[in-house]
Amino acid sequence: MSMRTPLNRVLGLGSAKAGTEHWWLERVTAIASLPLMVFLVIFVIMHLGSTRAELVASVANPLVAILLALTIISTLWHMRLGLQVVIEDYVHTPAAKFSALLLNSFFTAVLGVAALYAILKMSFGL
């Protein structure tokens, strides 16, 4: 016996079946970001007062560059997922919701490209 109303059955409304995946992605990116953020904080503390040349020399180390890139990717992905939930929950007009979700994705992509470009530029010493 179904607990759905006849109108609900006709309209086919129900679970979108994407909530669990989204929830898991948020948790995975949060867990991945923890050690990466610890690395970032230690890296920043170690380079307080350093010159630009010293910082570029540190980022030229492939391990450091890879960890910085992973930190940016994981953090921005987590940010996009979190803001998506906020937008979906609190923006009720379809056009505004679509626009906000689109801007959220573009903003995250622009930040990611800019940060990765800066890391690559310093990593290759340009």
PDB file of N, CA and C in Angstrom:
ATOM      1  N   MET A   1       0.838  -1.170   0.000  1.00  0.00           N
ATOM      2  CA  MET A   1       0.000   0.000   0.000  1.00  0.00           C
ATOM      3  C   MET A   1       0.890   1.242   0.000  1.00  0.00           C
ATOM      4  N   SER A   2       0.601   2.146  -0.886  1.00  0.00           N
ATOM      5  CA  SER A   2       1.388   3.362  -1.017  1.00  0.00           C
ATOM      6  C   SER A   2       0.841   4.445  -0.096  1.00  0.00           C
ATOM      7  N   MET A   3       1.739   5.214   0.453  1.00  0.00           N
ATOM      8  CA  MET A   3       1.350   6.316   1.325  1.00  0.00           C
ATOM      9  C   MET A   3       1.210   7.624   0.538  1.00  0.00           C
ATOM     10  N   ARG A   4       1.423   7.565  -0.781  1.00  0.00           N
ATOM     11  CA  ARG A   4       1.360   8.767  -1.614  1.00  0.00           C
ATOM     12  C   ARG A   4      -0.081   9.083  -1.981  1.00  0.00           C
ATOM     13  N   THR A   5      -0.373  10.356  -2.113  1.00  0.00           N
ATOM     14  CA  THR A   5      -1.713  10.774  -2.515  1.00  0.00           C
ATOM     15  C   THR A   5      -1.888  10.502  -4.003  1.00  0.00           C
ATOM     16  N   PRO A   6      -3.142  10.397  -4.464  1.00  0.00           N
ATOM     17  CA  PRO A   6      -3.372  10.178  -5.903  1.00  0.00           C
ATOM     18  C   PRO A   6      -2.763  11.284  -6.764  1.00  0.00           C
ATOM     19  N   LEU A   7      -2.862  12.533  -6.334  1.00  0.00           N
ATOM     20  CA  LEU A   7      -2.280  13.633  -7.098  1.00  0.00           C
ATOM     21  C   LEU A   7      -0.759  13.494  -7.170  1.00  0.00           C
ATOM     22  N   ASN A   8      -0.168  13.107  -6.090  1.00  0.00           N
ATOM     23  CA  ASN A   8       1.283  12.930  -6.053  1.00  0.00           C
ATOM     24  C   ASN A   8       1.711  11.802  -7.000  1.00  0.00           C
ATOM     25  N   ARG A   9       0.938  10.740  -7.074  1.00  0.00           N
ATOM     26  CA  ARG A   9       1.252   9.624  -7.989  1.00  0.00           C
ATOM     27  C   ARG A   9       1.131  10.072  -9.436  1.00  0.00           C
ATOM     28  N   VAL A  10       0.119  10.862  -9.756  1.00  0.00           N
ATOM     29  CA  VAL A  10      -0.089  11.335 -11.127  1.00  0.00           C
ATOM     30  C   VAL A  10       1.028  12.287 -11.541  1.00  0.00           C
ATOM     31  N   LEU A  11       1.390  13.203 -10.654  1.00  0.00           N
ATOM     32  CA  LEU A  11       2.434  14.177 -10.979  1.00  0.00           C
ATOM     33  C   LEU A  11       3.822  13.562 -10.940  1.00  0.00           C
ATOM     34  N   GLY A  12       3.961  12.420 -10.308  1.00  0.00           N
ATOM     35  CA  GLY A  12       5.258  11.762 -10.228  1.00  0.00           C
ATOM     36  C   GLY A  12       6.229  12.472  -9.302  1.00  0.00           C
ATOM     37  N   LEU A  13       5.703  13.231  -8.363  1.00  0.00           N
ATOM     38  CA  LEU A  13       6.575  13.950  -7.448  1.00  0.00           C
ATOM     39  C   LEU A  13       7.069  13.005  -6.365  1.00  0.00           C
ATOM     40  N   GLY A  14       8.246  13.230  -5.951  1.00  0.00           N
ATOM     41  CA  GLY A  14       8.817  12.395  -4.902  1.00  0.00           C
ATOM     42  C   GLY A  14      10.295  12.676  -4.775  1.00  0.00           C
ATOM     43  N   SER A  15      10.997  11.722  -4.264  1.00  0.00           N
ATOM     44  CA  SER A  15      12.423  11.881  -4.041  1.00  0.00           C
ATOM     45  C   SER A  15      13.164  12.030  -5.363  1.00  0.00           C
ATOM     46  N   ALA A  16      14.118  12.952  -5.382  1.00  0.00           N
ATOM     47  CA  ALA A  16      14.934  13.154  -6.574  1.00  0.00           C
ATOM     48  C   ALA A  16      16.069  12.143  -6.632  1.00  0.00           C
ATOM     49  N   LYS A  17      16.268  11.385  -5.570  1.00  0.00           N
ATOM     50  CA  LYS A  17      17.285  10.337  -5.477  1.00  0.00           C
ATOM     51  C   LYS A  17      18.713  10.878  -5.561  1.00  0.00           C
ATOM     52  N   ALA A  18      18.913  12.166  -5.303  1.00  0.00           N
ATOM     53  CA  ALA A  18      20.258  12.736  -5.376  1.00  0.00           C
ATOM     54  C   ALA A  18      20.734  13.254  -4.026  1.00  0.00           C
ATOM     55  N   GLY A  19      19.890  13.247  -3.039  1.00  0.00           N
ATOM     56  CA  GLY A  19      20.238  13.822  -1.746  1.00  0.00           C
ATOM     57  C   GLY A  19      21.334  13.069  -1.019  1.00  0.00           C
ATOM     58  N   THR A  20      21.320  11.758  -1.098  1.00  0.00           N
ATOM     59  CA  THR A  20      22.321  10.951  -0.400  1.00  0.00           C
ATOM     60  C   THR A  20      23.702  11.180  -0.986  1.00  0.00           C
ATOM     61  N   GLU A  21      23.786  11.203  -2.310  1.00  0.00           N
ATOM     62  CA  GLU A  21      25.079  11.440  -2.956  1.00  0.00           C
ATOM     63  C   GLU A  21      25.631  12.814  -2.585  1.00  0.00           C
ATOM     64  N   HIS A  22      24.783  13.814  -2.611  1.00  0.00           N
ATOM     65  CA  HIS A  22      25.198  15.172  -2.260  1.00  0.00           C
ATOM     66  C   HIS A  22      25.682  15.220  -0.804  1.00  0.00           C
ATOM     67  N   TRP A  23      24.946  14.569   0.083  1.00  0.00           N
ATOM     68  CA  TRP A  23      25.311  14.534   1.496  1.00  0.00           C
ATOM     69  C   TRP A  23      26.678  13.882   1.670  1.00  0.00           C
ATOM     70  N   TRP A  24      26.902  12.746   0.986  1.00  0.00           N
ATOM     71  CA  TRP A  24      28.194  12.058   1.088  1.00  0.00           C
ATOM     72  C   TRP A  24      29.322  12.907   0.513  1.00  0.00           C
ATOM     73  N   LEU A  25      29.079  13.580  -0.603  1.00  0.00           N
ATOM     74  CA  LEU A  25      30.119  14.433  -1.190  1.00  0.00           C
ATOM     75  C   LEU A  25      30.514  15.555  -0.235  1.00  0.00           C
ATOM     76  N   GLU A  26      29.539  16.131   0.447  1.00  0.00           N
ATOM     77  CA  GLU A  26      29.852  17.167   1.435  1.00  0.00           C
ATOM     78  C   GLU A  26      30.735  16.610   2.547  1.00  0.00           C
ATOM     79  N   ARG A  27      30.418  15.418   3.020  1.00  0.00           N
ATOM     80  CA  ARG A  27      31.207  14.827   4.113  1.00  0.00           C
ATOM     81  C   ARG A  27      32.601  14.438   3.650  1.00  0.00           C
ATOM     82  N   VAL A  28      32.710  13.876   2.449  1.00  0.00           N
ATOM     83  CA  VAL A  28      34.019  13.470   1.924  1.00  0.00           C
ATOM     84  C   VAL A  28      34.917  14.677   1.708  1.00  0.00           C
ATOM     85  N   THR A  29      34.373  15.746   1.126  1.00  0.00           N
ATOM     86  CA  THR A  29      35.200  16.941   0.913  1.00  0.00           C
ATOM     87  C   THR A  29      35.571  17.594   2.235  1.00  0.00           C
ATOM     88  N   ALA A  30      34.696  17.523   3.225  1.00  0.00           N
ATOM     89  CA  ALA A  30      35.026  18.082   4.542  1.00  0.00           C
ATOM     90  C   ALA A  30      36.159  17.292   5.185  1.00  0.00           C
ATOM     91  N   ILE A  31      36.087  15.978   5.113  1.00  0.00           N
ATOM     92  CA  ILE A  31      37.127  15.135   5.707  1.00  0.00           C
ATOM     93  C   ILE A  31      38.446  15.305   4.954  1.00  0.00           C
ATOM     94  N   ALA A  32      38.385  15.393   3.625  1.00  0.00           N
ATOM     95  CA  ALA A  32      39.599  15.585   2.828  1.00  0.00           C
ATOM     96  C   ALA A  32      40.238  16.937   3.110  1.00  0.00           C
ATOM     97  N   SER A  33      39.417  17.925   3.394  1.00  0.00           N
ATOM     98  CA  SER A  33      39.943  19.271   3.637  1.00  0.00           C
ATOM     99  C   SER A  33      40.640  19.408   4.989  1.00  0.00           C
ATOM    100  N   LEU A  34      40.301  18.565   5.951  1.00  0.00           N
ATOM    101  CA  LEU A  34      40.908  18.695   7.281  1.00  0.00           C
ATOM    102  C   LEU A  34      42.435  18.601   7.271  1.00  0.00           C
ATOM    103  N   PRO A  35      43.033  17.505   6.783  1.00  0.00           N
ATOM    104  CA  PRO A  35      44.497  17.460   6.782  1.00  0.00           C
ATOM    105  C   PRO A  35      45.109  18.481   5.833  1.00  0.00           C
ATOM    106  N   LEU A  36      44.409  18.790   4.745  1.00  0.00           N
ATOM    107  CA  LEU A  36      44.925  19.778   3.809  1.00  0.00           C
ATOM    108  C   LEU A  36      44.946  21.170   4.429  1.00  0.00           C
ATOM    109  N   MET A  37      43.934  21.486   5.226  1.00  0.00           N
ATOM    110  CA  MET A  37      43.915  22.783   5.913  1.00  0.00           C
ATOM    111  C   MET A  37      44.999  22.852   6.991  1.00  0.00           C
ATOM    112  N   VAL A  38      45.253  21.741   7.651  1.00  0.00           N
ATOM    113  CA  VAL A  38      46.349  21.704   8.631  1.00  0.00           C
ATOM    114  C   VAL A  38      47.665  21.998   7.916  1.00  0.00           C
ATOM    115  N   PHE A  39      47.860  21.368   6.755  1.00  0.00           N
ATOM    116  CA  PHE A  39      49.059  21.646   5.957  1.00  0.00           C
ATOM    117  C   PHE A  39      49.124  23.126   5.589  1.00  0.00           C
ATOM    118  N   LEU A  40      48.014  23.694   5.123  1.00  0.00           N
ATOM    119  CA  LEU A  40      48.000  25.097   4.698  1.00  0.00           C
ATOM    120  C   LEU A  40      48.335  26.038   5.850  1.00  0.00           C
ATOM    121  N   VAL A  41      47.765  25.788   7.018  1.00  0.00           N
ATOM    122  CA  VAL A  41      48.040  26.641   8.181  1.00  0.00           C
ATOM    123  C   VAL A  41      49.524  26.555   8.560  1.00  0.00           C
ATOM    124  N   ILE A  42      50.066  25.339   8.582  1.00  0.00           N
ATOM    125  CA  ILE A  42      51.493  25.176   8.902  1.00  0.00           C
ATOM    126  C   ILE A  42      52.352  25.863   7.851  1.00  0.00           C
ATOM    127  N   PHE A  43      51.985  25.724   6.576  1.00  0.00           N
ATOM    128  CA  PHE A  43      52.733  26.358   5.490  1.00  0.00           C
ATOM    129  C   PHE A  43      52.727  27.877   5.639  1.00  0.00           C
ATOM    130  N   VAL A  44      51.576  28.440   5.939  1.00  0.00           N
ATOM    131  CA  VAL A  44      51.474  29.898   6.102  1.00  0.00           C
ATOM    132  C   VAL A  44      52.285  30.357   7.312  1.00  0.00           C
ATOM    133  N   ILE A  45      52.187  29.655   8.432  1.00  0.00           N
ATOM    134  CA  ILE A  45      52.933  30.035   9.632  1.00  0.00           C
ATOM    135  C   ILE A  45      54.435  29.962   9.383  1.00  0.00           C
ATOM    136  N   MET A  46      54.871  28.929   8.667  1.00  0.00           N
ATOM    137  CA  MET A  46      56.299  28.776   8.393  1.00  0.00           C
ATOM    138  C   MET A  46      56.834  29.888   7.481  1.00  0.00           C
ATOM    139  N   HIS A  47      55.953  30.484   6.683  1.00  0.00           N
ATOM    140  CA  HIS A  47      56.397  31.496   5.726  1.00  0.00           C
ATOM    141  C   HIS A  47      56.019  32.922   6.122  1.00  0.00           C
ATOM    142  N   LEU A  48      55.605  33.121   7.356  1.00  0.00           N
ATOM    143  CA  LEU A  48      55.348  34.488   7.822  1.00  0.00           C
ATOM    144  C   LEU A  48      56.653  35.272   7.800  1.00  0.00           C
ATOM    145  N   GLY A  49      56.639  36.413   7.174  1.00  0.00           N
ATOM    146  CA  GLY A  49      57.836  37.246   7.097  1.00  0.00           C
ATOM    147  C   GLY A  49      58.793  36.857   5.994  1.00  0.00           C
ATOM    148  N   SER A  50      58.463  35.839   5.207  1.00  0.00           N
ATOM    149  CA  SER A  50      59.327  35.428   4.099  1.00  0.00           C
ATOM    150  C   SER A  50      59.196  36.393   2.935  1.00  0.00           C
ATOM    151  N   THR A  51      60.230  36.438   2.134  1.00  0.00           N
ATOM    152  CA  THR A  51      60.163  37.248   0.917  1.00  0.00           C
ATOM    153  C   THR A  51      59.407  36.472  -0.152  1.00  0.00           C
ATOM    154  N   ARG A  52      59.056  37.178  -1.220  1.00  0.00           N
ATOM    155  CA  ARG A  52      58.349  36.516  -2.324  1.00  0.00           C
ATOM    156  C   ARG A  52      59.226  35.429  -2.933  1.00  0.00           C
ATOM    157  N   ALA A  53      60.503  35.687  -3.053  1.00  0.00           N
ATOM    158  CA  ALA A  53      61.426  34.709  -3.638  1.00  0.00           C
ATOM    159  C   ALA A  53      61.472  33.425  -2.805  1.00  0.00           C
ATOM    160  N   GLU A  54      61.467  33.567  -1.494  1.00  0.00           N
ATOM    161  CA  GLU A  54      61.472  32.385  -0.621  1.00  0.00           C
ATOM    162  C   GLU A  54      60.169  31.598  -0.751  1.00  0.00           C
ATOM    163  N   LEU A  55      59.076  32.315  -0.855  1.00  0.00           N
ATOM    164  CA  LEU A  55      57.772  31.657  -1.006  1.00  0.00           C
ATOM    165  C   LEU A  55      57.685  30.925  -2.343  1.00  0.00           C
ATOM    166  N   VAL A  56      58.148  31.571  -3.418  1.00  0.00           N
ATOM    167  CA  VAL A  56      58.130  30.941  -4.737  1.00  0.00           C
ATOM    168  C   VAL A  56      59.028  29.704  -4.741  1.00  0.00           C
ATOM    169  N   ALA A  57      60.168  29.783  -4.061  1.00  0.00           N
ATOM    170  CA  ALA A  57      61.067  28.628  -3.974  1.00  0.00           C
ATOM    171  C   ALA A  57      60.386  27.474  -3.237  1.00  0.00           C
ATOM    172  N   SER A  58      59.601  27.764  -2.217  1.00  0.00           N
ATOM    173  CA  SER A  58      58.886  26.711  -1.491  1.00  0.00           C
ATOM    174  C   SER A  58      57.796  26.084  -2.350  1.00  0.00           C
ATOM    175  N   VAL A  59      57.065  26.927  -3.082  1.00  0.00           N
ATOM    176  CA  VAL A  59      55.974  26.413  -3.922  1.00  0.00           C
ATOM    177  C   VAL A  59      56.535  25.662  -5.134  1.00  0.00           C
ATOM    178  N   ALA A  60      57.796  25.898  -5.484  1.00  0.00           N
ATOM    179  CA  ALA A  60      58.423  25.176  -6.601  1.00  0.00           C
ATOM    180  C   ALA A  60      58.616  23.696  -6.265  1.00  0.00           C
ATOM    181  N   ASN A  61      58.578  23.361  -4.996  1.00  0.00           N
ATOM    182  CA  ASN A  61      58.645  21.951  -4.590  1.00  0.00           C
ATOM    183  C   ASN A  61      57.355  21.272  -5.062  1.00  0.00           C
ATOM    184  N   PRO A  62      57.463  20.197  -5.857  1.00  0.00           N
ATOM    185  CA  PRO A  62      56.251  19.559  -6.404  1.00  0.00           C
ATOM    186  C   PRO A  62      55.261  19.084  -5.340  1.00  0.00           C
ATOM    187  N   LEU A  63      55.756  18.569  -4.235  1.00  0.00           N
ATOM    188  CA  LEU A  63      54.856  18.097  -3.177  1.00  0.00           C
ATOM    189  C   LEU A  63      54.041  19.251  -2.598  1.00  0.00           C
ATOM    190  N   VAL A  64      54.693  20.376  -2.371  1.00  0.00           N
ATOM    191  CA  VAL A  64      54.002  21.552  -1.830  1.00  0.00           C
ATOM    192  C   VAL A  64      52.964  22.057  -2.827  1.00  0.00           C
ATOM    193  N   ALA A  65      53.346  22.142  -4.102  1.00  0.00           N
ATOM    194  CA  ALA A  65      52.418  22.624  -5.129  1.00  0.00           C
ATOM    195  C   ALA A  65      51.204  21.708  -5.245  1.00  0.00           C
ATOM    196  N   ILE A  66      51.425  20.412  -5.198  1.00  0.00           N
ATOM    197  CA  ILE A  66      50.313  19.456  -5.295  1.00  0.00           C
ATOM    198  C   ILE A  66      49.399  19.569  -4.085  1.00  0.00           C
ATOM    199  N   LEU A  67      49.971  19.679  -2.897  1.00  0.00           N
ATOM    200  CA  LEU A  67      49.143  19.813  -1.690  1.00  0.00           C
ATOM    201  C   LEU A  67      48.361  21.125  -1.697  1.00  0.00           C
ATOM    202  N   LEU A  68      48.975  22.209  -2.162  1.00  0.00           N
ATOM    203  CA  LEU A  68      48.251  23.482  -2.265  1.00  0.00           C
ATOM    204  C   LEU A  68      47.098  23.370  -3.266  1.00  0.00           C
ATOM    205  N   ALA A  69      47.359  22.738  -4.416  1.00  0.00           N
ATOM    206  CA  ALA A  69      46.307  22.573  -5.424  1.00  0.00           C
ATOM    207  C   ALA A  69      45.165  21.704  -4.890  1.00  0.00           C
ATOM    208  N   LEU A  70      45.504  20.618  -4.203  1.00  0.00           N
ATOM    209  CA  LEU A  70      44.463  19.760  -3.622  1.00  0.00           C
ATOM    210  C   LEU A  70      43.651  20.508  -2.565  1.00  0.00           C
ATOM    211  N   THR A  71      44.305  21.356  -1.794  1.00  0.00           N
ATOM    212  CA  THR A  71      43.604  22.157  -0.793  1.00  0.00           C
ATOM    213  C   THR A  71      42.596  23.077  -1.455  1.00  0.00           C
ATOM    214  N   ILE A  72      43.018  23.756  -2.506  1.00  0.00           N
ATOM    215  CA  ILE A  72      42.124  24.669  -3.228  1.00  0.00           C
ATOM    216  C   ILE A  72      40.942  23.901  -3.822  1.00  0.00           C
ATOM    217  N   ILE A  73      41.221  22.811  -4.499  1.00  0.00           N
ATOM    218  CA  ILE A  73      40.156  22.045  -5.152  1.00  0.00           C
ATOM    219  C   ILE A  73      39.153  21.508  -4.129  1.00  0.00           C
ATOM    220  N   SER A  74      39.652  20.899  -3.074  1.00  0.00           N
ATOM    221  CA  SER A  74      38.765  20.313  -2.067  1.00  0.00           C
ATOM    222  C   SER A  74      37.930  21.377  -1.364  1.00  0.00           C
ATOM    223  N   THR A  75      38.560  22.465  -1.000  1.00  0.00           N
ATOM    224  CA  THR A  75      37.853  23.532  -0.280  1.00  0.00           C
ATOM    225  C   THR A  75      36.797  24.194  -1.155  1.00  0.00           C
ATOM    226  N   LEU A  76      37.148  24.494  -2.404  1.00  0.00           N
ATOM    227  CA  LEU A  76      36.178  25.145  -3.288  1.00  0.00           C
ATOM    228  C   LEU A  76      35.018  24.215  -3.639  1.00  0.00           C
ATOM    229  N   TRP A  77      35.314  22.931  -3.813  1.00  0.00           N
ATOM    230  CA  TRP A  77      34.245  21.976  -4.096  1.00  0.00           C
ATOM    231  C   TRP A  77      33.293  21.892  -2.901  1.00  0.00           C
ATOM    232  N   HIS A  78      33.854  21.841  -1.704  1.00  0.00           N
ATOM    233  CA  HIS A  78      33.035  21.804  -0.493  1.00  0.00           C
ATOM    234  C   HIS A  78      32.204  23.084  -0.366  1.00  0.00           C
ATOM    235  N   MET A  79      32.816  24.222  -0.683  1.00  0.00           N
ATOM    236  CA  MET A  79      32.106  25.500  -0.616  1.00  0.00           C
ATOM    237  C   MET A  79      30.926  25.512  -1.589  1.00  0.00           C
ATOM    238  N   ARG A  80      31.150  25.039  -2.820  1.00  0.00           N
ATOM    239  CA  ARG A  80      30.082  25.031  -3.810  1.00  0.00           C
ATOM    240  C   ARG A  80      28.923  24.135  -3.377  1.00  0.00           C
ATOM    241  N   LEU A  81      29.257  22.966  -2.839  1.00  0.00           N
ATOM    242  CA  LEU A  81      28.206  22.049  -2.377  1.00  0.00           C
ATOM    243  C   LEU A  81      27.400  22.660  -1.228  1.00  0.00           C
ATOM    244  N   GLY A  82      28.085  23.289  -0.283  1.00  0.00           N
ATOM    245  CA  GLY A  82      27.399  23.899   0.855  1.00  0.00           C
ATOM    246  C   GLY A  82      26.510  25.053   0.447  1.00  0.00           C
ATOM    247  N   LEU A  83      27.024  25.926  -0.426  1.00  0.00           N
ATOM    248  CA  LEU A  83      26.210  27.051  -0.884  1.00  0.00           C
ATOM    249  C   LEU A  83      25.029  26.590  -1.730  1.00  0.00           C
ATOM    250  N   GLN A  84      25.210  25.496  -2.461  1.00  0.00           N
ATOM    251  CA  GLN A  84      24.105  24.958  -3.244  1.00  0.00           C
ATOM    252  C   GLN A  84      22.944  24.560  -2.336  1.00  0.00           C
ATOM    253  N   VAL A  85      23.247  23.937  -1.225  1.00  0.00           N
ATOM    254  CA  VAL A  85      22.197  23.537  -0.275  1.00  0.00           C
ATOM    255  C   VAL A  85      21.494  24.765   0.287  1.00  0.00           C
ATOM    256  N   VAL A  86      22.267  25.785   0.647  1.00  0.00           N
ATOM    257  CA  VAL A  86      21.674  27.008   1.189  1.00  0.00           C
ATOM    258  C   VAL A  86      20.759  27.652   0.157  1.00  0.00           C
ATOM    259  N   ILE A  87      21.232  27.738  -1.088  1.00  0.00           N
ATOM    260  CA  ILE A  87      20.415  28.344  -2.145  1.00  0.00           C
ATOM    261  C   ILE A  87      19.143  27.528  -2.372  1.00  0.00           C
ATOM    262  N   GLU A  88      19.272  26.214  -2.457  1.00  0.00           N
ATOM    263  CA  GLU A  88      18.094  25.379  -2.697  1.00  0.00           C
ATOM    264  C   GLU A  88      17.089  25.462  -1.551  1.00  0.00           C
ATOM    265  N   ASP A  89      17.565  25.652  -0.338  1.00  0.00           N
ATOM    266  CA  ASP A  89      16.664  25.711   0.813  1.00  0.00           C
ATOM    267  C   ASP A  89      16.010  27.072   1.006  1.00  0.00           C
ATOM    268  N   TYR A  90      16.707  28.155   0.659  1.00  0.00           N
ATOM    269  CA  TYR A  90      16.220  29.485   1.039  1.00  0.00           C
ATOM    270  C   TYR A  90      15.857  30.393  -0.111  1.00  0.00           C
ATOM    271  N   VAL A  91      16.154  30.037  -1.344  1.00  0.00           N
ATOM    272  CA  VAL A  91      15.726  30.839  -2.492  1.00  0.00           C
ATOM    273  C   VAL A  91      14.549  30.115  -3.115  1.00  0.00           C
ATOM    274  N   HIS A  92      13.390  30.768  -3.160  1.00  0.00           N
ATOM    275  CA  HIS A  92      12.170  30.078  -3.540  1.00  0.00           C
ATOM    276  C   HIS A  92      11.692  30.392  -4.951  1.00  0.00           C
ATOM    277  N   THR A  93      12.110  31.499  -5.531  1.00  0.00           N
ATOM    278  CA  THR A  93      11.711  31.842  -6.889  1.00  0.00           C
ATOM    279  C   THR A  93      12.555  31.029  -7.869  1.00  0.00           C
ATOM    280  N   PRO A  94      11.937  30.321  -8.797  1.00  0.00           N
ATOM    281  CA  PRO A  94      12.713  29.470  -9.714  1.00  0.00           C
ATOM    282  C   PRO A  94      13.802  30.217 -10.494  1.00  0.00           C
ATOM    283  N   ALA A  95      13.486  31.401 -11.001  1.00  0.00           N
ATOM    284  CA  ALA A  95      14.489  32.158 -11.775  1.00  0.00           C
ATOM    285  C   ALA A  95      15.646  32.604 -10.882  1.00  0.00           C
ATOM    286  N   ALA A  96      15.326  33.061  -9.685  1.00  0.00           N
ATOM    287  CA  ALA A  96      16.380  33.494  -8.761  1.00  0.00           C
ATOM    288  C   ALA A  96      17.216  32.298  -8.301  1.00  0.00           C
ATOM    289  N   LYS A  97      16.557  31.169  -8.067  1.00  0.00           N
ATOM    290  CA  LYS A  97      17.273  29.966  -7.650  1.00  0.00           C
ATOM    291  C   LYS A  97      18.232  29.511  -8.750  1.00  0.00           C
ATOM    292  N   PHE A  98      17.741  29.470  -9.985  1.00  0.00           N
ATOM    293  CA  PHE A  98      18.582  29.063 -11.106  1.00  0.00           C
ATOM    294  C   PHE A  98      19.772  30.014 -11.265  1.00  0.00           C
ATOM    295  N   SER A  99      19.508  31.311 -11.177  1.00  0.00           N
ATOM    296  CA  SER A  99      20.578  32.307 -11.314  1.00  0.00           C
ATOM    297  C   SER A  99      21.610  32.173 -10.203  1.00  0.00           C
ATOM    298  N   ALA A 100      21.145  31.997  -8.984  1.00  0.00           N
ATOM    299  CA  ALA A 100      22.058  31.862  -7.845  1.00  0.00           C
ATOM    300  C   ALA A 100      22.902  30.589  -7.959  1.00  0.00           C
ATOM    301  N   LEU A 101      22.295  29.486  -8.380  1.00  0.00           N
ATOM    302  CA  LEU A 101      23.040  28.239  -8.552  1.00  0.00           C
ATOM    303  C   LEU A 101      24.071  28.369  -9.672  1.00  0.00           C
ATOM    304  N   LEU A 102      23.702  29.051 -10.746  1.00  0.00           N
ATOM    305  CA  LEU A 102      24.625  29.276 -11.849  1.00  0.00           C
ATOM    306  C   LEU A 102      25.789  30.160 -11.412  1.00  0.00           C
ATOM    307  N   LEU A 103      25.491  31.240 -10.710  1.00  0.00           N
ATOM    308  CA  LEU A 103      26.541  32.126 -10.207  1.00  0.00           C
ATOM    309  C   LEU A 103      27.444  31.415  -9.204  1.00  0.00           C
ATOM    310  N   ASN A 104      26.873  30.559  -8.389  1.00  0.00           N
ATOM    311  CA  ASN A 104      27.647  29.786  -7.426  1.00  0.00           C
ATOM    312  C   ASN A 104      28.676  28.919  -8.151  1.00  0.00           C
ATOM    313  N   SER A 105      28.240  28.250  -9.206  1.00  0.00           N
ATOM    314  CA  SER A 105      29.155  27.391  -9.963  1.00  0.00           C
ATOM    315  C   SER A 105      30.223  28.209 -10.683  1.00  0.00           C
ATOM    316  N   PHE A 106      29.824  29.297 -11.321  1.00  0.00           N
ATOM    317  CA  PHE A 106      30.797  30.129 -12.038  1.00  0.00           C
ATOM    318  C   PHE A 106      31.794  30.781 -11.088  1.00  0.00           C
ATOM    319  N   PHE A 107      31.318  31.282  -9.963  1.00  0.00           N
ATOM    320  CA  PHE A 107      32.192  31.925  -8.988  1.00  0.00           C
ATOM    321  C   PHE A 107      33.233  30.935  -8.471  1.00  0.00           C
ATOM    322  N   THR A 108      32.798  29.729  -8.163  1.00  0.00           N
ATOM    323  CA  THR A 108      33.716  28.700  -7.681  1.00  0.00           C
ATOM    324  C   THR A 108      34.740  28.346  -8.757  1.00  0.00           C
ATOM    325  N   ALA A 109      34.289  28.225 -10.000  1.00  0.00           N
ATOM    326  CA  ALA A 109      35.196  27.892 -11.095  1.00  0.00           C
ATOM    327  C   ALA A 109      36.229  28.999 -11.310  1.00  0.00           C
ATOM    328  N   VAL A 110      35.798  30.246 -11.269  1.00  0.00           N
ATOM    329  CA  VAL A 110      36.727  31.367 -11.460  1.00  0.00           C
ATOM    330  C   VAL A 110      37.759  31.406 -10.334  1.00  0.00           C
ATOM    331  N   LEU A 111      37.316  31.243  -9.100  1.00  0.00           N
ATOM    332  CA  LEU A 111      38.260  31.215  -7.977  1.00  0.00           C
ATOM    333  C   LEU A 111      39.253  30.064  -8.124  1.00  0.00           C
ATOM    334  N   GLY A 112      38.767  28.902  -8.516  1.00  0.00           N
ATOM    335  CA  GLY A 112      39.633  27.741  -8.675  1.00  0.00           C
ATOM    336  C   GLY A 112      40.665  27.934  -9.773  1.00  0.00           C
ATOM    337  N   VAL A 113      40.239  28.448 -10.913  1.00  0.00           N
ATOM    338  CA  VAL A 113      41.167  28.677 -12.023  1.00  0.00           C
ATOM    339  C   VAL A 113      42.223  29.713 -11.627  1.00  0.00           C
ATOM    340  N   ALA A 114      41.807  30.788 -10.974  1.00  0.00           N
ATOM    341  CA  ALA A 114      42.756  31.817 -10.555  1.00  0.00           C
ATOM    342  C   ALA A 114      43.767  31.275  -9.545  1.00  0.00           C
ATOM    343  N   ALA A 115      43.294  30.507  -8.581  1.00  0.00           N
ATOM    344  CA  ALA A 115      44.193  29.962  -7.561  1.00  0.00           C
ATOM    345  C   ALA A 115      45.146  28.933  -8.154  1.00  0.00           C
ATOM    346  N   LEU A 116      44.624  28.055  -8.999  1.00  0.00           N
ATOM    347  CA  LEU A 116      45.491  27.049  -9.616  1.00  0.00           C
ATOM    348  C   LEU A 116      46.497  27.684 -10.566  1.00  0.00           C
ATOM    349  N   TYR A 117      46.097  28.735 -11.265  1.00  0.00           N
ATOM    350  CA  TYR A 117      47.028  29.468 -12.126  1.00  0.00           C
ATOM    351  C   TYR A 117      48.168  30.058 -11.293  1.00  0.00           C
ATOM    352  N   ALA A 118      47.839  30.655 -10.165  1.00  0.00           N
ATOM    353  CA  ALA A 118      48.862  31.252  -9.305  1.00  0.00           C
ATOM    354  C   ALA A 118      49.823  30.178  -8.773  1.00  0.00           C
ATOM    355  N   ILE A 119      49.274  29.041  -8.380  1.00  0.00           N
ATOM    356  CA  ILE A 119      50.125  27.955  -7.872  1.00  0.00           C
ATOM    357  C   ILE A 119      51.033  27.441  -8.977  1.00  0.00           C
ATOM    358  N   LEU A 120      50.488  27.211 -10.160  1.00  0.00           N
ATOM    359  CA  LEU A 120      51.299  26.726 -11.284  1.00  0.00           C
ATOM    360  C   LEU A 120      52.371  27.740 -11.674  1.00  0.00           C
ATOM    361  N   LYS A 121      52.003  29.007 -11.706  1.00  0.00           N
ATOM    362  CA  LYS A 121      52.961  30.049 -12.056  1.00  0.00           C
ATOM    363  C   LYS A 121      54.127  30.075 -11.076  1.00  0.00           C
ATOM    364  N   MET A 122      53.829  30.001  -9.791  1.00  0.00           N
ATOM    365  CA  MET A 122      54.905  29.982  -8.795  1.00  0.00           C
ATOM    366  C   MET A 122      55.671  28.664  -8.829  1.00  0.00           C
ATOM    367  N   SER A 123      54.956  27.570  -9.100  1.00  0.00           N
ATOM    368  CA  SER A 123      55.596  26.261  -9.119  1.00  0.00           C
ATOM    369  C   SER A 123      56.640  26.157 -10.228  1.00  0.00           C
ATOM    370  N   PHE A 124      56.348  26.766 -11.367  1.00  0.00           N
ATOM    371  CA  PHE A 124      57.291  26.715 -12.490  1.00  0.00           C
ATOM    372  C   PHE A 124      58.221  27.918 -12.516  1.00  0.00           C
ATOM    373  N   GLY A 125      58.121  28.786 -11.498  1.00  0.00           N
ATOM    374  CA  GLY A 125      59.037  29.906 -11.355  1.00  0.00           C
ATOM    375  C   GLY A 125      58.893  30.977 -12.415  1.00  0.00           C
ATOM    376  N   LEU A 126      57.716  31.166 -12.916  1.00  0.00           N
ATOM    377  CA  LEU A 126      57.501  32.187 -13.963  1.00  0.00           C
ATOM    378  C   LEU A 126      57.274  33.556 -13.377  1.00  0.00           C
TER     379      LEU A 126
END
